[in-house]
Amino acid sequence: MSPKLRIHPSAALGFERGVADYELGRPGFPAEAVRSVVERLGLARGRTCLELGSGTGKLTELLVPSAARIIGVEPVPAMARR
């Protein structure tokens, strides 16, 4: 298996073309749910969190105030750029 991440071409094309619509239509995350994740994972300065499939970064932005190092990984270039 190649070390390069593979994504189905149809999915990649759909997200490339529809990233703006995805961003507008994707609901946010309830504050209480984010607080719960931050607490349960112990996210704080000195900790690192990998957000795999981070999309356009909606959750990433909400995790940043925890002061943890947040690493967002998104395989679709258009999503990651957004």
Protein backbone atom coordinates (compact mmCIF):
# COMPACT_ATOMS: atom_id res chain seq x y z
CA MET A 1 0.00 0.00 0.00
CA SER A 2 1.28 3.45 -0.90
CA PRO A 3 2.25 5.72 2.00
CA LYS A 4 0.21 8.46 0.30
CA LEU A 5 -3.36 8.77 1.55
CA ARG A 6 -5.91 7.79 -1.07
CA ILE A 7 -9.40 9.16 -1.34
CA HIS A 8 -12.04 7.93 -3.76
CA PRO A 9 -11.95 10.18 -6.86
CA SER A 10 -15.71 10.85 -6.72
CA ALA A 11 -15.49 12.00 -3.11
CA ALA A 12 -12.46 14.17 -3.80
CA LEU A 13 -14.12 15.80 -6.82
CA GLY A 14 -17.38 16.39 -4.97
CA PHE A 15 -15.68 18.06 -2.03
CA GLU A 16 -13.39 20.07 -4.32
CA ARG A 17 -16.38 21.45 -6.20
CA GLY A 18 -18.69 21.85 -3.23
CA VAL A 19 -16.44 23.09 -0.45
CA ALA A 20 -18.21 26.47 -0.17
CA ASP A 21 -21.63 24.79 0.04
CA TYR A 22 -20.27 22.29 2.54
CA GLU A 23 -18.95 25.10 4.72
CA LEU A 24 -22.29 26.92 4.64
CA GLY A 25 -24.40 23.83 5.20
CA ARG A 26 -22.28 22.01 7.77
CA PRO A 27 -23.75 22.65 11.20
CA GLY A 28 -21.53 23.84 14.00
CA PHE A 29 -20.83 22.03 17.23
CA PRO A 30 -22.74 22.65 20.47
CA ALA A 31 -20.59 24.46 23.02
CA GLU A 32 -21.39 21.88 25.70
CA ALA A 33 -20.20 19.04 23.43
CA VAL A 34 -16.93 20.85 22.72
CA ARG A 35 -16.41 21.55 26.46
CA SER A 36 -17.01 17.86 27.17
CA VAL A 37 -14.45 16.76 24.55
CA VAL A 38 -11.86 19.23 25.86
CA GLU A 39 -12.40 18.03 29.44
CA ARG A 40 -12.49 14.30 28.67
CA LEU A 41 -9.35 14.47 26.53
CA GLY A 42 -7.58 16.76 28.98
CA LEU A 43 -6.79 19.24 26.23
CA ALA A 44 -4.59 21.96 27.65
CA ARG A 45 -1.22 23.61 27.10
CA GLY A 46 1.40 20.92 26.58
CA ARG A 47 -1.05 18.40 25.10
CA THR A 48 -1.45 17.52 21.42
CA CYS A 49 -4.68 16.61 19.65
CA LEU A 50 -4.88 15.10 16.16
CA GLU A 51 -8.10 16.01 14.38
CA LEU A 52 -8.24 13.48 11.57
CA GLY A 53 -10.56 14.51 8.73
CA SER A 54 -10.67 18.10 9.94
CA GLY A 55 -12.62 19.34 6.93
CA THR A 56 -12.81 23.12 6.82
CA GLY A 57 -11.72 23.51 10.44
CA LYS A 58 -15.02 24.21 12.19
CA LEU A 59 -14.13 21.99 15.13
CA THR A 60 -10.45 22.95 14.99
CA GLU A 61 -11.32 26.60 15.66
CA LEU A 62 -13.32 25.60 18.73
CA LEU A 63 -10.49 23.48 20.13
CA VAL A 64 -7.81 26.18 19.79
CA PRO A 65 -8.85 28.04 22.99
CA SER A 66 -7.90 24.92 24.98
CA ALA A 67 -4.26 25.95 24.33
CA ALA A 68 -3.45 22.39 23.25
CA ARG A 69 -1.48 21.88 20.06
CA ILE A 70 -4.15 21.00 17.49
CA ILE A 71 -3.04 19.19 14.34
CA GLY A 72 -5.71 19.11 11.66
CA VAL A 73 -5.32 16.53 8.91
CA GLU A 74 -7.59 16.80 5.88
CA PRO A 75 -7.02 14.72 2.71
CA VAL A 76 -9.06 16.95 0.37
CA PRO A 77 -6.89 19.94 -0.57
CA ALA A 78 -9.82 22.34 -1.12
CA MET A 79 -11.22 21.52 2.31
CA ALA A 80 -7.84 22.02 3.97
CA ARG A 81 -7.31 25.36 2.20
CA ARG A 82 -10.69 26.61 3.40
